Amino acid sequence: MRIRNDNELKLFEETLDRCDASVLVVTAQGDQYDLKDPAQRYLGIAEMLRENGVNEPELFASSCRDEMRLFDYLNALEKKSA
């Protein structure tokens, strides 16, 4: 998943703040960052902001509730771009 602008970043961080459990970003190289950990959040988001070709980082939520929050985030982005 890629974050493309400041509005997406703000909405994404608000979504993360509502998540209860670990949310991992995993790069194509296998690096993992827990976005609920303050230090790792910045590193993980930096990966999501980076343009590096076709290999976008992937997101994984450790709870169904948090996964639904991430889907809500993606739906909100889709509505804003429509």
Protein backbone atom coordinates (compact mmCIF):
# COMPACT_ATOMS: atom_id res chain seq x y z
CA MET A 1 0.00 0.00 0.00
CA ARG A 2 1.23 3.44 -0.87
CA ILE A 3 0.48 6.77 0.83
CA ARG A 4 0.45 9.45 -1.87
CA ASN A 5 -0.22 12.78 -0.13
CA ASP A 6 -0.67 14.61 3.16
CA ASN A 7 -4.43 14.03 3.30
CA GLU A 8 -3.98 10.28 2.91
CA LEU A 9 -1.28 10.34 5.58
CA LYS A 10 -3.47 12.21 8.06
CA LEU A 11 -6.41 9.87 7.49
CA PHE A 12 -4.14 6.82 7.74
CA GLU A 13 -2.66 7.95 11.05
CA GLU A 14 -6.16 8.62 12.42
CA THR A 15 -7.10 5.09 11.37
CA LEU A 16 -4.01 3.64 13.08
CA ASP A 17 -4.86 5.49 16.28
CA ARG A 18 -8.25 3.73 16.33
CA CYS A 19 -6.66 0.29 15.87
CA ASP A 20 -6.34 -1.82 19.03
CA ALA A 21 -3.70 -4.39 18.09
CA SER A 22 -0.61 -4.64 15.91
CA VAL A 23 -0.76 -3.40 12.34
CA LEU A 24 2.25 -4.51 10.33
CA VAL A 25 3.68 -3.06 7.17
CA VAL A 26 5.89 -5.55 5.31
CA THR A 27 8.18 -4.46 2.50
CA ALA A 28 9.03 -6.54 -0.57
CA GLN A 29 12.45 -7.13 1.04
CA GLY A 30 10.78 -8.67 4.10
CA ASP A 31 11.30 -5.78 6.51
CA GLN A 32 8.46 -5.55 9.04
CA TYR A 33 7.31 -2.56 11.06
CA ASP A 34 4.60 -2.57 13.73
CA LEU A 35 2.73 0.68 13.11
CA LYS A 36 1.35 0.66 16.66
CA ASP A 37 4.89 1.05 18.04
CA PRO A 38 5.83 4.77 17.97
CA ALA A 39 9.40 4.29 16.70
CA GLN A 40 8.47 1.67 14.11
CA ARG A 41 5.46 3.70 12.94
CA TYR A 42 7.71 6.38 11.43
CA LEU A 43 9.91 3.84 9.69
CA GLY A 44 6.93 1.93 8.33
CA ILE A 45 5.17 5.05 7.10
CA ALA A 46 8.41 6.18 5.46
CA GLU A 47 8.35 2.92 3.49
CA MET A 48 4.74 3.58 2.51
CA LEU A 49 5.64 7.07 1.28
CA ARG A 50 8.67 5.91 -0.73
CA GLU A 51 8.33 5.48 -4.49
CA ASN A 52 10.25 2.33 -5.34
CA GLY A 53 8.69 0.95 -8.47
CA VAL A 54 6.06 -1.76 -8.49
CA ASN A 55 6.78 -3.32 -5.10
CA GLU A 56 4.46 -1.58 -2.66
CA PRO A 57 4.55 -2.52 1.03
CA GLU A 58 1.72 -4.71 2.31
CA LEU A 59 -0.42 -4.15 5.42
CA PHE A 60 -1.49 -6.83 7.87
CA ALA A 61 -3.82 -6.36 10.83
CA SER A 62 -3.74 -8.80 13.74
CA SER A 63 -7.44 -8.45 14.54
CA CYS A 64 -10.59 -8.56 12.42
CA ARG A 65 -11.80 -5.29 13.92
CA ASP A 66 -8.58 -3.50 12.92
CA GLU A 67 -8.73 -5.07 9.48
CA MET A 68 -12.20 -3.59 9.03
CA ARG A 69 -10.86 -0.19 10.09
CA LEU A 70 -8.20 -0.44 7.38
CA PHE A 71 -10.86 -1.38 4.82
CA ASP A 72 -12.87 1.67 5.92
CA TYR A 73 -9.76 3.79 5.31
CA LEU A 74 -9.39 2.37 1.78
CA ASN A 75 -13.08 2.94 1.09
CA ALA A 76 -12.76 6.57 2.23
CA LEU A 77 -9.83 7.05 -0.18
CA GLU A 78 -11.84 5.57 -3.02
CA LYS A 79 -14.76 7.91 -2.33
CA LYS A 80 -12.49 10.96 -2.25
CA SER A 81 -10.93 10.06 -5.60
CA ALA A 82 -14.29 9.43 -7.29
